[in-house]
Amino acid sequence: MNRRLLVSFRLPDGGSPERATDIVIAERKFPRFSSLSEAIDSGGYRSA
């Protein structure tokens, strides 16, 4: 169901401007993570 969102997490370090919306979606979905890299490091993005 959230496959496209999960794919959007595969960003290079620092992300990219055109992916800003994906990062906002990620932060709304996982508000406990202060950054996208923190979510990836903790593996939390896989639990969607």
C-alpha atoms as a PDB file:
ATOM      1  CA  MET A   1       0.000   0.000   0.000  1.00  0.00           C
ATOM      2  CA  ASN A   2       2.777   2.427   0.902  1.00  0.00           C
ATOM      3  CA  ARG A   3       5.257   0.976  -1.568  1.00  0.00           C
ATOM      4  CA  ARG A   4       5.795   4.237  -3.444  1.00  0.00           C
ATOM      5  CA  LEU A   5       6.347   6.113  -0.189  1.00  0.00           C
ATOM      6  CA  LEU A   6       8.899   3.524   0.928  1.00  0.00           C
ATOM      7  CA  VAL A   7      10.798   3.879  -2.346  1.00  0.00           C
ATOM      8  CA  SER A   8      10.929   7.630  -1.813  1.00  0.00           C
ATOM      9  CA  PHE A   9      12.963   7.051   1.339  1.00  0.00           C
ATOM     10  CA  ARG A  10      15.898   5.803  -0.741  1.00  0.00           C
ATOM     11  CA  LEU A  11      17.548   9.201  -0.998  1.00  0.00           C
ATOM     12  CA  PRO A  12      21.233  10.046  -1.220  1.00  0.00           C
ATOM     13  CA  ASP A  13      22.714  11.640   1.891  1.00  0.00           C
ATOM     14  CA  GLY A  14      21.140  15.038   2.301  1.00  0.00           C
ATOM     15  CA  GLY A  15      18.258  14.228  -0.007  1.00  0.00           C
ATOM     16  CA  SER A  16      17.445  16.395  -3.005  1.00  0.00           C
ATOM     17  CA  PRO A  17      15.227  19.470  -3.518  1.00  0.00           C
ATOM     18  CA  GLU A  18      12.792  17.703  -5.847  1.00  0.00           C
ATOM     19  CA  ARG A  19      12.154  15.133  -3.113  1.00  0.00           C
ATOM     20  CA  ALA A  20      11.218  17.719  -0.486  1.00  0.00           C
ATOM     21  CA  THR A  21       7.540  16.695  -0.642  1.00  0.00           C
ATOM     22  CA  ASP A  22       8.437  13.056   0.002  1.00  0.00           C
ATOM     23  CA  ILE A  23      10.432  14.115   3.048  1.00  0.00           C
ATOM     24  CA  VAL A  24       7.482  16.128   4.379  1.00  0.00           C
ATOM     25  CA  ILE A  25       5.203  13.112   3.893  1.00  0.00           C
ATOM     26  CA  ALA A  26       7.723  10.942   5.712  1.00  0.00           C
ATOM     27  CA  GLU A  27       7.919  13.357   8.622  1.00  0.00           C
ATOM     28  CA  ARG A  28       4.139  13.443   8.892  1.00  0.00           C
ATOM     29  CA  LYS A  29       3.901   9.659   8.772  1.00  0.00           C
ATOM     30  CA  PHE A  30       6.723   9.196  11.292  1.00  0.00           C
ATOM     31  CA  PRO A  31       6.585  12.363  13.436  1.00  0.00           C
ATOM     32  CA  ARG A  32       8.820  10.806  16.089  1.00  0.00           C
ATOM     33  CA  PHE A  33      11.778  10.971  13.711  1.00  0.00           C
ATOM     34  CA  SER A  34      13.468  14.355  13.616  1.00  0.00           C
ATOM     35  CA  SER A  35      15.049  13.668  10.233  1.00  0.00           C
ATOM     36  CA  LEU A  36      14.735  11.320   7.298  1.00  0.00           C
ATOM     37  CA  SER A  37      18.219   9.929   7.890  1.00  0.00           C
ATOM     38  CA  GLU A  38      17.315   9.179  11.506  1.00  0.00           C
ATOM     39  CA  ALA A  39      14.277   7.241  10.350  1.00  0.00           C
ATOM     40  CA  ILE A  40      16.416   5.254   7.923  1.00  0.00           C
ATOM     41  CA  ASP A  41      19.128   4.622  10.502  1.00  0.00           C
ATOM     42  CA  SER A  42      16.607   3.298  13.001  1.00  0.00           C
ATOM     43  CA  GLY A  43      14.850   1.143  10.400  1.00  0.00           C
ATOM     44  CA  GLY A  44      11.506   2.723  11.313  1.00  0.00           C
ATOM     45  CA  TYR A  45      10.693   3.491   7.687  1.00  0.00           C
ATOM     46  CA  ARG A  46      10.392  -0.241   7.010  1.00  0.00           C
ATOM     47  CA  SER A  47       7.520  -0.689   9.451  1.00  0.00           C
ATOM     48  CA  ALA A  48       5.000   1.038   7.200  1.00  0.00           C
END
